[in-house]
Every structure is written in C-alpha cells, then in structure tokens.
C-alpha cells in the first residue's frame, strides 16, 4: 500500500490521544507519540506519508508482519460466525488453537490455559506452581522482564519493578549468566555457566529448598538484552529443579513462535520445562492472546481439584482464530526456517561486521531474528554508552542514536544501552539489508560519544 498524506486527520488523532490516552511506562507530559496511519508487512507509516521499516515488530510480536491477508481473513470469518463465547464451553477456534500450539511445544506440555497476554500468563503459571508444590517462594533473574501486572512486575529484574516492589511478593532474585558483564568474574562461557549454576543452587540452599515453588526464566531474555544462555545452562537449571522438586517455568512470551529460528527458544537446548508461557507471536499480536502450556504432572494436580483461576476472555474466539491462521501461515510459508536462515546468513554476519568498524559497539548477540547491539563509551573497559537507567540529559547519546535511526526511515527498539534488531520473522533479505544500512549510519552518531 502506498501511504497517502493526510496531515489534518493525523492532527486530529494526535489531539485526541494527548487529551485522553494515558500511556504506559511514561511521564504523560513528556512524550510525543507518533500518529500512525497504517501498516503492512514490515512497514508502517504516519499521516504525513512517511514510511518506517519496523525493527521493533510492534513490541516484538508482529512475527509475520502487519496485516497478513490470511490472518485478517480468519478474524473476519470468525467474527461473522461467532464473535465471542464464554471460556467454559468447547469452541472450535479455541480447541484448534490449543491443538496446534500443543503440537509444537516441547515434551508433554499438552494442556493449554489461555490468557489475554504474557503478563497474566506469568501470573497463572506462578499460581499453578505454588498450588502444585504447596511452597511460597519464586526465584527469577536480574536482567529480566516478565510483565507489568503485580506478580509479573515483581518477578521482573530491571528498573520497571522498583516502583511496585513492596518486597511482599515472595520473589527472590538471582544472577543468570551473561559473560559480557559477568557477575562471576568468568573468562569463558564454560566458567560463566558453571558459576551461574553454582550461584543458583546456593541461593536455593540459603532460601530453603522446601520453600521454593518455582524458578521463572526467560528462555532468552528479551528487553533486558537478548542474552542467549551459554550451552548447558538451561539443562543445569532443569537438573537443579528436579533435585529440589522445584517447578521450572520458561517464559517464551517474546522468544517463542519463530523469533529465535525455532518454534520455541527451548528447542535450541532440548530442555522441557514444567510450565511455559507464551503470547505475542502466537498470533502476531493481531488480537490479544497469551497462555500457559502445562506439563502432565502439573495438569494432574488439577484433574480432580479445581484450578482457582480464570479470565472472562480466556481463549477468545477471535484471538484463537487469529492464532490458528498465524500458525498455519508460519508452517506453510516456512517462517521459522526463514528466520533461522536470515539470522545465520545475513543478520549475524552483518552485525559482527558493524561491531568491527564501530567503536560504540561492545558486543552483538542473538539468534534468528532476535539480536541486541550493546553500545559502549569505551570498548576496553566496557563502560556503557549511558549510565544504567539513564534519563534526560544523561541519556542524550542514546536519544541521538535513536533519532538517527528514525530519520533514516527505520523505527528502532532501544532500551538502556542497547538497540534490539527484532524485525518481523518473515522480513525479506532486501528489507533487512535496508535496515542494517540505516543502523550502520546511526552507529556513527553513537561513535561520536566514545573514547576510542
């Protein structure tokens, strides 16, 4: 679709937004939201007709891009037949979505509890784990994000938690492996893995194994920095959980449904969790949907004991119809394989080449269409480009970098000292190279703030 400028309509949309919409994670008077007129494929555009290549996939959820015609048609057809129905009934779209998801989840994660998104999927996974074990505590990692609802934000291990953390949620945080900024003085991935596992087991020992219900981990942490765990780490966590009777919950809300070049990021390690949360890519965000994939042993806990939880819109027919169509599109168009191929042959080599040329790049890391570029002021000391949780003038170098991306026609995903390269999983090679060229130019802006 060719964008048609309509600045008057854009001004009206912007005025209504500023008058009435309360935006998340924002100081309301300090933001200036872009008025978006439309989107298609890997692009969206504003009311002035300016088009942007979306390197954010919305909020890392439009895995098949915007307005895929088959998914749009499925939503329309479902709306014409049955727009909504209560979750206590068996409905075709709900049943088929659950079947298709269960076919792709690892191991025996064959029961699907539907939610409205990722945060409430985490809420219910934690509730299931606590009820299954009869234990109160949950462990989660620093450098993580699990959602904005009360339990999920307390599990989160970054500054978004601070304002809501009353230290009463039964959450204990620990350090997960991240060699580039190791908390374990490690020099190799093997050392980082072994020391991180020792730290986790020691944390459980000092908290009291009989008090720990679950460990919640993003399989590959997302907004915290796309830190792919070293080989053996997830298997080691699985062993620790089995040793102490702790439920392993893997959060695949961001990493799932093709993002890492596999249906689920857990597939890279062969590790099967007890519970796995999903959302976002399950239907490319076209209609809100999330869920928990449940193992047999936890499902059995509630075979004759009612599960005390539910949602009015659990398994909403429109959302489930979108999920069915999305999964079929991904299979027929080989979107997962495409993400893996482009990640290996185009994205990774290009990012590593940029890292060699730009002194502001400390590290690049990722899998598939899930990559982060770590920006630094000094490569030798690894001093971040801006201070941790910087705002205002202190964040000026990152703000200038993001502005350079947008002026080049690419919408970036920047967080802390990183830009995330997370375009739709079905982006074309030409589109990806277009975005990487803009990234190259924008990194020159970041280079101006380095010391080397």
Protein backbone atom coordinates (compact mmCIF):
# COMPACT_ATOMS: atom_id res chain seq x y z
CA UNK A 1 0.00 0.00 0.00
CA UNK A 2 1.29 3.47 -0.85
CA UNK A 3 0.87 5.89 2.09
CA UNK A 4 -1.36 8.85 1.30
CA UNK A 5 -0.58 12.04 3.27
CA UNK A 6 -3.45 13.35 5.38
CA UNK A 7 -1.96 15.72 7.97
CA UNK A 8 -5.35 17.06 9.09
CA UNK A 9 -6.50 13.58 10.09
CA UNK A 10 -3.17 12.99 11.80
CA UNK A 11 -3.54 16.18 13.81
CA UNK A 12 -7.00 15.09 14.99
CA UNK A 13 -5.72 11.65 16.03
CA UNK A 14 -2.82 13.24 17.90
CA UNK A 15 -5.05 15.77 19.64
CA UNK A 16 -7.44 13.09 20.88
CA UNK A 17 -4.54 10.96 22.06
CA UNK A 18 -2.96 13.79 24.01
CA UNK A 19 -6.30 14.75 25.54
CA UNK A 20 -7.47 11.31 26.63
CA UNK A 21 -5.00 8.41 26.27
CA UNK A 22 -2.89 7.51 29.30
CA UNK A 23 0.26 5.81 28.00
CA UNK A 24 2.13 3.02 29.74
CA UNK A 25 5.63 3.44 31.22
CA UNK A 26 5.57 7.18 30.52
CA UNK A 27 5.52 10.60 32.12
CA UNK A 28 2.44 11.77 30.27
CA UNK A 29 3.51 15.35 29.55
CA UNK A 30 6.98 14.36 28.36
CA UNK A 31 6.02 12.08 25.47
CA UNK A 32 5.16 12.81 21.86
CA UNK A 33 3.56 9.69 20.33
CA UNK A 34 3.73 9.30 16.57
CA UNK A 35 0.29 9.18 14.96
CA UNK A 36 0.26 6.04 12.81
CA UNK A 37 -1.97 5.92 9.74
CA UNK A 38 -1.40 2.35 8.62
CA UNK A 39 0.87 -0.68 8.45
CA UNK A 40 1.59 -3.55 6.11
CA UNK A 41 4.24 -6.24 6.10
CA UNK A 42 7.45 -4.93 7.68
CA UNK A 43 6.48 -1.24 7.42
CA UNK A 44 4.18 1.32 8.99
CA UNK A 45 3.60 4.97 8.08
CA UNK A 46 2.42 8.23 9.58
CA UNK A 47 -0.17 10.75 8.38
CA UNK A 48 2.47 12.78 6.56
CA UNK A 49 3.07 9.74 4.34
CA UNK A 50 6.46 8.93 5.87
CA UNK A 51 7.13 5.19 5.90
CA UNK A 52 9.23 3.36 8.52
CA UNK A 53 10.79 -0.09 8.43
CA UNK A 54 9.77 -1.59 11.76
CA UNK A 55 12.81 -3.01 13.53
CA UNK A 56 10.69 -3.49 16.68
CA UNK A 57 7.93 -5.82 15.38
CA UNK A 58 5.49 -3.69 17.38
CA UNK A 59 6.63 -4.80 20.82
CA UNK A 60 8.38 -7.88 19.43
CA UNK A 61 5.12 -9.55 18.43
CA UNK A 62 4.34 -8.99 14.74
CA UNK A 63 6.34 -12.08 13.81
CA UNK A 64 4.55 -12.37 10.46
CA UNK A 65 4.38 -8.62 9.91
CA UNK A 66 1.35 -6.36 9.76
CA UNK A 67 -1.94 -7.15 8.03
CA UNK A 68 -1.16 -10.62 6.74
CA UNK A 69 -4.20 -11.24 4.49
CA UNK A 70 -4.82 -14.83 5.63
CA UNK A 71 -4.89 -13.89 9.30
CA UNK A 72 -7.06 -10.84 8.65
CA UNK A 73 -9.48 -13.05 6.71
CA UNK A 74 -9.58 -15.62 9.52
CA UNK A 75 -10.52 -12.93 12.04
CA UNK A 76 -13.23 -11.62 9.73
CA UNK A 77 -14.64 -15.10 9.14
CA UNK A 78 -14.65 -15.89 12.86
CA UNK A 79 -16.37 -12.59 13.65
CA UNK A 80 -19.08 -13.36 11.13
CA UNK A 81 -19.65 -16.83 12.58
CA UNK A 82 -19.12 -16.42 16.34
CA UNK A 83 -17.59 -13.23 17.65
CA UNK A 84 -17.26 -14.37 21.27
CA UNK A 85 -18.24 -17.13 23.66
CA UNK A 86 -17.60 -17.91 27.31
CA UNK A 87 -14.49 -19.92 28.18
CA UNK A 88 -16.33 -22.78 29.90
CA UNK A 89 -17.52 -24.15 26.54
CA UNK A 90 -15.74 -26.11 23.82
CA UNK A 91 -15.39 -23.82 20.81
CA UNK A 92 -13.78 -24.84 17.53
CA UNK A 93 -11.31 -21.96 17.26
CA UNK A 94 -10.21 -22.43 20.88
CA UNK A 95 -9.82 -26.18 20.57
CA UNK A 96 -7.91 -25.95 17.30
CA UNK A 97 -5.58 -23.24 18.60
CA UNK A 98 -4.79 -25.35 21.65
CA UNK A 99 -4.14 -28.41 19.47
CA UNK A 100 -1.79 -26.56 17.12
CA UNK A 101 0.14 -24.99 19.99
CA UNK A 102 0.44 -28.31 21.84
CA UNK A 103 1.77 -29.94 18.66
CA UNK A 104 4.70 -27.53 18.75
CA UNK A 105 5.50 -27.21 22.44
CA UNK A 106 8.35 -29.39 23.72
CA UNK A 107 7.82 -32.61 25.68
CA UNK A 108 4.46 -33.23 27.28
CA UNK A 109 3.29 -29.62 27.50
CA UNK A 110 -0.03 -30.70 26.04
CA UNK A 111 -2.58 -28.73 28.07
CA UNK A 112 -3.09 -25.07 27.18
CA UNK A 113 -4.57 -22.47 29.53
CA UNK A 114 -5.38 -19.34 27.55
CA UNK A 115 -4.87 -15.82 28.90
CA UNK A 116 -5.14 -12.37 27.39
CA UNK A 117 -1.39 -11.73 27.22
CA UNK A 118 2.04 -12.53 28.58
CA UNK A 119 1.83 -10.89 31.99
CA UNK A 120 -1.28 -12.77 33.07
CA UNK A 121 0.23 -15.96 31.65
CA UNK A 122 3.09 -15.47 34.13
CA UNK A 123 0.61 -14.73 36.93
CA UNK A 124 -1.18 -18.02 36.32
CA UNK A 125 1.99 -20.04 35.83
CA UNK A 126 3.23 -18.89 39.23
CA UNK A 127 -0.14 -19.65 40.80
CA UNK A 128 -0.10 -23.15 39.33
CA UNK A 129 3.43 -23.75 40.57
CA UNK A 130 2.62 -22.63 44.09
CA UNK A 131 -0.53 -24.73 44.26
CA UNK A 132 1.26 -27.75 42.78
CA UNK A 133 4.15 -27.60 45.25
CA UNK A 134 2.49 -26.01 48.27
CA UNK A 135 5.51 -23.68 48.53
CA UNK A 136 5.54 -19.85 48.61
CA UNK A 137 8.76 -18.55 47.02
CA UNK A 138 9.58 -17.96 43.39
CA UNK A 139 13.06 -17.26 42.03
CA UNK A 140 13.71 -15.09 38.99
CA UNK A 141 16.71 -13.43 37.41
CA UNK A 142 18.04 -9.94 37.43
CA UNK A 143 18.16 -8.59 33.87
CA UNK A 144 14.70 -9.95 33.06
CA UNK A 145 11.21 -8.75 32.22
CA UNK A 146 8.05 -10.76 32.85
CA UNK A 147 5.21 -8.24 32.58
CA UNK A 148 3.51 -5.30 34.21
CA UNK A 149 0.91 -6.93 36.47
CA UNK A 150 1.63 -7.26 40.17
CA UNK A 151 3.30 -10.67 40.39
CA UNK A 152 4.90 -10.38 36.94
CA UNK A 153 6.46 -6.99 37.62
CA UNK A 154 7.84 -8.23 40.93
CA UNK A 155 9.44 -11.13 39.09
CA UNK A 156 10.98 -8.65 36.67
CA UNK A 157 14.65 -7.93 37.28
CA UNK A 158 15.06 -4.44 35.87
CA UNK A 159 14.11 -0.88 36.98
CA UNK A 160 10.50 -1.25 35.84
CA UNK A 161 9.99 -3.30 39.01
CA UNK A 162 11.24 -0.78 41.51
CA UNK A 163 8.17 1.42 41.93
CA UNK A 164 5.89 -1.59 42.53
CA UNK A 165 8.18 -3.80 44.60
CA UNK A 166 6.94 -3.89 48.18
CA UNK A 167 9.10 -6.94 48.98
CA UNK A 168 5.98 -8.94 49.77
CA UNK A 169 5.53 -10.93 46.56
CA UNK A 170 7.56 -13.95 47.62
CA UNK A 171 10.17 -13.29 44.91
CA UNK A 172 13.91 -13.84 45.26
CA UNK A 173 16.21 -12.60 42.50
CA UNK A 174 19.45 -14.20 41.38
CA UNK A 175 22.09 -13.61 38.70
CA UNK A 176 21.73 -15.52 35.44
CA UNK A 177 24.72 -15.93 33.11
CA UNK A 178 25.86 -13.02 30.94
CA UNK A 179 29.55 -13.27 30.14
CA UNK A 180 29.93 -9.78 28.69
CA UNK A 181 29.01 -8.27 32.07
CA UNK A 182 29.73 -11.28 34.24
CA UNK A 183 28.87 -11.17 37.94
CA UNK A 184 31.04 -14.25 38.45
CA UNK A 185 34.44 -12.97 37.22
CA UNK A 186 34.27 -15.58 34.47
CA UNK A 187 36.53 -15.51 31.42
CA UNK A 188 34.82 -18.19 29.32
CA UNK A 189 31.27 -19.30 28.60
CA UNK A 190 32.03 -22.58 30.40
CA UNK A 191 33.11 -20.74 33.55
CA UNK A 192 30.12 -18.42 33.37
CA UNK A 193 27.73 -21.35 33.04
CA UNK A 194 29.25 -23.37 35.89
CA UNK A 195 29.48 -20.41 38.27
CA UNK A 196 25.96 -19.22 37.48
CA UNK A 197 24.58 -22.68 38.22
CA UNK A 198 26.53 -22.86 41.47
CA UNK A 199 25.18 -19.43 42.43
CA UNK A 200 21.61 -20.52 41.69
CA UNK A 201 21.90 -23.72 43.71
CA UNK A 202 23.48 -21.83 46.60
CA UNK A 203 20.63 -19.31 46.50
CA UNK A 204 18.11 -22.15 46.77
CA UNK A 205 20.07 -23.70 49.64
CA UNK A 206 20.10 -20.47 51.62
CA UNK A 207 16.43 -19.68 50.89
CA UNK A 208 15.43 -23.20 51.92
CA UNK A 209 14.62 -25.68 49.15
CA UNK A 210 11.33 -26.63 50.81
CA UNK A 211 10.15 -23.02 50.43
CA UNK A 212 10.86 -22.61 46.70
CA UNK A 213 7.95 -23.32 44.35
CA UNK A 214 9.42 -22.28 41.02
CA UNK A 215 12.25 -20.79 39.04
CA UNK A 216 10.99 -18.44 36.33
CA UNK A 217 13.36 -17.71 33.44
CA UNK A 218 13.04 -16.10 30.06
CA UNK A 219 14.48 -18.80 27.81
CA UNK A 220 16.33 -15.99 26.04
CA UNK A 221 15.91 -12.72 27.96
CA UNK A 222 14.32 -10.10 25.72
CA UNK A 223 14.15 -6.42 26.64
CA UNK A 224 16.87 -6.96 29.26
CA UNK A 225 19.35 -7.51 26.45
CA UNK A 226 18.77 -10.71 24.41
CA UNK A 227 21.35 -12.69 26.37
CA UNK A 228 21.47 -16.19 24.90
CA UNK A 229 22.31 -18.58 27.76
CA UNK A 230 25.59 -20.49 27.41
CA UNK A 231 25.44 -24.15 26.39
CA UNK A 232 24.41 -26.34 29.29
CA UNK A 233 22.87 -23.62 31.45
CA UNK A 234 19.21 -24.41 30.92
CA UNK A 235 19.93 -28.14 31.23
CA UNK A 236 21.69 -27.38 34.51
CA UNK A 237 18.72 -25.38 35.78
CA UNK A 238 16.48 -28.31 34.83
CA UNK A 239 18.66 -30.64 36.90
CA UNK A 240 18.58 -28.30 39.89
CA UNK A 241 14.79 -28.05 39.68
CA UNK A 242 14.48 -31.84 39.55
CA UNK A 243 16.85 -32.23 42.51
CA UNK A 244 14.81 -29.97 44.78
CA UNK A 245 11.29 -30.55 43.45
CA UNK A 246 11.09 -27.01 42.03
CA UNK A 247 8.86 -26.18 39.06
CA UNK A 248 10.73 -24.81 36.04
CA UNK A 249 8.79 -22.07 34.26
CA UNK A 250 10.19 -20.87 30.94
CA UNK A 251 8.89 -17.52 29.72
CA UNK A 252 8.65 -17.70 25.91
CA UNK A 253 6.39 -14.66 25.55
CA UNK A 254 8.97 -12.81 23.47
CA UNK A 255 11.26 -15.61 22.27
CA UNK A 256 8.54 -18.03 21.13
CA UNK A 257 6.88 -18.70 17.78
CA UNK A 258 9.84 -18.40 15.47
CA UNK A 259 11.64 -15.42 16.92
CA UNK A 260 14.89 -17.32 17.57
CA UNK A 261 14.69 -19.51 14.46
CA UNK A 262 12.87 -22.34 16.26
CA UNK A 263 9.23 -22.62 17.23
CA UNK A 264 10.34 -22.07 20.82
CA UNK A 265 13.72 -20.97 22.12
CA UNK A 266 13.73 -24.01 24.41
CA UNK A 267 14.13 -26.14 21.29
CA UNK A 268 17.72 -24.92 20.95
CA UNK A 269 18.65 -26.62 24.22
CA UNK A 270 16.28 -29.59 24.24
CA UNK A 271 15.13 -28.63 27.74
CA UNK A 272 11.49 -29.29 28.63
CA UNK A 273 10.05 -27.03 31.36
CA UNK A 274 7.12 -27.88 33.61
CA UNK A 275 5.25 -24.77 32.53
CA UNK A 276 5.84 -22.49 29.56
CA UNK A 277 4.25 -19.10 28.99
CA UNK A 278 3.58 -17.62 25.56
CA UNK A 279 1.83 -14.65 23.92
CA UNK A 280 2.88 -12.09 21.29
CA UNK A 281 3.95 -14.18 18.28
CA UNK A 282 1.25 -16.83 18.82
CA UNK A 283 -1.00 -14.73 16.58
CA UNK A 284 1.38 -11.90 15.69
CA UNK A 285 -0.46 -9.67 18.15
CA UNK A 286 -3.48 -9.27 15.87
CA UNK A 287 -5.89 -9.93 18.76
CA UNK A 288 -4.64 -10.11 22.39
CA UNK A 289 -3.80 -13.71 23.37
CA UNK A 290 -1.41 -15.49 25.71
CA UNK A 291 -1.29 -18.71 27.61
CA UNK A 292 0.42 -21.32 29.72
CA UNK A 293 1.46 -24.69 28.29
CA UNK A 294 1.18 -27.22 31.11
CA UNK A 295 3.01 -30.50 31.68
CA UNK A 296 1.22 -33.69 32.56
CA UNK A 297 2.31 -33.78 36.20
CA UNK A 298 1.03 -30.27 36.87
CA UNK A 299 -2.15 -30.82 34.89
CA UNK A 300 -2.79 -33.89 37.05
CA UNK A 301 -2.76 -31.68 40.15
CA UNK A 302 -5.97 -30.14 38.90
CA UNK A 303 -7.58 -33.26 37.46
CA UNK A 304 -9.96 -33.56 40.42
CA UNK A 305 -9.10 -30.37 42.24
CA UNK A 306 -10.48 -27.17 40.76
CA UNK A 307 -7.92 -24.73 39.49
CA UNK A 308 -8.79 -21.43 41.25
CA UNK A 309 -8.25 -19.06 38.38
CA UNK A 310 -9.71 -17.88 35.10
CA UNK A 311 -10.38 -14.96 32.81
CA UNK A 312 -13.56 -13.76 31.15
CA UNK A 313 -11.87 -13.72 27.76
CA UNK A 314 -9.76 -16.87 28.14
CA UNK A 315 -9.42 -18.39 24.68
CA UNK A 316 -11.41 -15.64 22.99
CA UNK A 317 -12.63 -16.98 19.63
CA UNK A 318 -11.31 -14.03 17.60
CA UNK A 319 -7.88 -14.32 19.21
CA UNK A 320 -7.80 -18.08 18.78
CA UNK A 321 -8.89 -17.88 15.15
CA UNK A 322 -6.00 -15.48 14.60
CA UNK A 323 -3.66 -17.95 16.31
CA UNK A 324 -4.84 -20.84 14.13
CA UNK A 325 -4.30 -18.80 10.96
CA UNK A 326 -0.93 -17.46 12.15
CA UNK A 327 0.44 -20.92 12.96
CA UNK A 328 -0.75 -22.25 9.61
CA UNK A 329 0.84 -19.30 7.78
CA UNK A 330 4.09 -19.83 9.64
CA UNK A 331 4.14 -23.50 8.72
CA UNK A 332 3.11 -23.03 5.07
CA UNK A 333 5.47 -20.11 4.45
CA UNK A 334 8.30 -21.69 6.49
CA UNK A 335 8.63 -18.54 8.55
CA UNK A 336 10.58 -20.25 11.34
CA UNK A 337 13.11 -21.65 8.89
CA UNK A 338 13.30 -18.27 7.14
CA UNK A 339 14.11 -16.51 10.43
CA UNK A 340 16.84 -19.05 11.16
CA UNK A 341 18.31 -18.73 7.66
CA UNK A 342 18.37 -14.93 7.55
CA UNK A 343 19.72 -14.81 11.10
CA UNK A 344 22.62 -17.06 10.22
CA UNK A 345 23.43 -15.87 6.71
CA UNK A 346 22.59 -12.15 6.79
CA UNK A 347 21.89 -10.65 10.21
CA UNK A 348 24.65 -12.20 12.31
CA UNK A 349 27.46 -11.61 9.77
CA UNK A 350 26.32 -8.04 9.16
CA UNK A 351 26.11 -7.18 12.86
CA UNK A 352 29.53 -8.69 13.54
CA UNK A 353 30.97 -6.65 10.69
CA UNK A 354 29.41 -3.48 12.12
CA UNK A 355 30.90 -4.34 15.50
CA UNK A 356 34.37 -4.45 13.98
CA UNK A 357 34.01 -0.99 12.41
CA UNK A 358 32.14 0.97 15.10
CA UNK A 359 33.87 1.70 18.42
CA UNK A 360 30.46 2.24 20.05
CA UNK A 361 29.58 -1.45 19.63
CA UNK A 362 30.76 -3.51 22.56
CA UNK A 363 29.03 -6.76 21.63
CA UNK A 364 26.38 -8.21 19.35
CA UNK A 365 24.44 -11.33 20.36
CA UNK A 366 21.32 -13.22 19.45
CA UNK A 367 19.58 -15.94 17.47
CA UNK A 368 17.29 -15.89 14.43
CA UNK A 369 15.51 -12.52 14.27
CA UNK A 370 16.33 -11.76 17.93
CA UNK A 371 19.51 -9.70 18.28
CA UNK A 372 20.93 -6.98 20.51
CA UNK A 373 23.71 -4.49 19.86
CA UNK A 374 25.37 -3.41 23.11
CA UNK A 375 26.53 0.21 22.95
CA UNK A 376 29.52 1.38 24.98
CA UNK A 377 31.54 4.51 25.58
CA UNK A 378 34.76 2.53 25.93
CA UNK A 379 35.33 -0.90 24.41
CA UNK A 380 38.26 -1.74 26.67
CA UNK A 381 36.53 -1.00 29.98
CA UNK A 382 33.05 -1.85 28.61
CA UNK A 383 31.73 1.36 30.13
CA UNK A 384 28.11 1.72 28.93
CA UNK A 385 27.30 4.47 26.48
CA UNK A 386 24.95 5.98 29.09
CA UNK A 387 24.54 5.24 32.81
CA UNK A 388 22.23 2.45 33.96
CA UNK A 389 18.58 3.56 33.79
CA UNK A 390 19.64 6.94 32.41
CA UNK A 391 17.07 9.64 31.66
CA UNK A 392 17.06 13.20 30.38
CA UNK A 393 20.44 14.70 29.50
CA UNK A 394 22.28 11.62 30.78
CA UNK A 395 20.53 9.59 28.09
CA UNK A 396 21.33 12.06 25.30
CA UNK A 397 23.72 9.77 23.35
CA UNK A 398 21.11 7.00 23.14
CA UNK A 399 18.43 9.52 22.22
CA UNK A 400 20.62 10.87 19.41
CA UNK A 401 21.26 7.35 18.13
CA UNK A 402 17.52 6.55 18.12
CA UNK A 403 16.75 9.82 16.33
CA UNK A 404 19.29 8.95 13.65
CA UNK A 405 17.59 5.59 13.10
CA UNK A 406 14.18 7.22 12.73
CA UNK A 407 15.49 9.92 10.39
CA UNK A 408 16.82 7.11 8.21
CA UNK A 409 13.37 5.54 7.98
CA UNK A 410 13.84 2.71 10.50
CA UNK A 411 11.96 2.58 13.79
CA UNK A 412 14.37 1.28 16.46
CA UNK A 413 13.87 -0.65 19.69
CA UNK A 414 16.26 0.98 22.16
CA UNK A 415 16.47 0.07 25.84
CA UNK A 416 19.16 1.08 28.30
CA UNK A 417 22.45 0.78 26.33
CA UNK A 418 21.15 -1.47 23.60
CA UNK A 419 19.36 -1.39 20.34
CA UNK A 420 17.45 -4.54 19.57
CA UNK A 421 17.25 -5.78 16.00
CA UNK A 422 13.92 -7.61 16.07
CA UNK A 423 12.14 -7.16 12.72
CA UNK A 424 9.29 -9.43 11.58
CA UNK A 425 10.45 -13.02 11.21
CA UNK A 426 9.32 -13.03 7.57
CA UNK A 427 11.18 -9.85 6.61
CA UNK A 428 12.76 -10.08 3.18
CA UNK A 429 16.53 -10.10 2.74
CA UNK A 430 16.35 -6.78 0.88
CA UNK A 431 14.33 -5.15 3.66
CA UNK A 432 16.71 -6.47 6.30
CA UNK A 433 19.72 -5.09 4.43
CA UNK A 434 17.93 -1.75 4.07
CA UNK A 435 17.52 -1.56 7.84
CA UNK A 436 21.09 -2.63 8.51
CA UNK A 437 22.37 0.18 6.28
CA UNK A 438 20.46 2.69 8.39
CA UNK A 439 21.81 1.08 11.56
CA UNK A 440 25.33 1.44 10.18
CA UNK A 441 24.82 5.18 9.66
CA UNK A 442 23.21 5.66 13.08
CA UNK A 443 26.08 3.91 14.83
CA UNK A 444 28.33 6.67 13.52
CA UNK A 445 26.30 9.02 15.73
CA UNK A 446 26.90 6.78 18.72
CA UNK A 447 30.61 6.64 17.83
CA UNK A 448 30.86 10.37 18.48
CA UNK A 449 30.33 9.69 22.18
CA UNK A 450 33.05 7.04 22.54
CA UNK A 451 36.61 7.32 23.75
CA UNK A 452 38.26 5.08 21.20
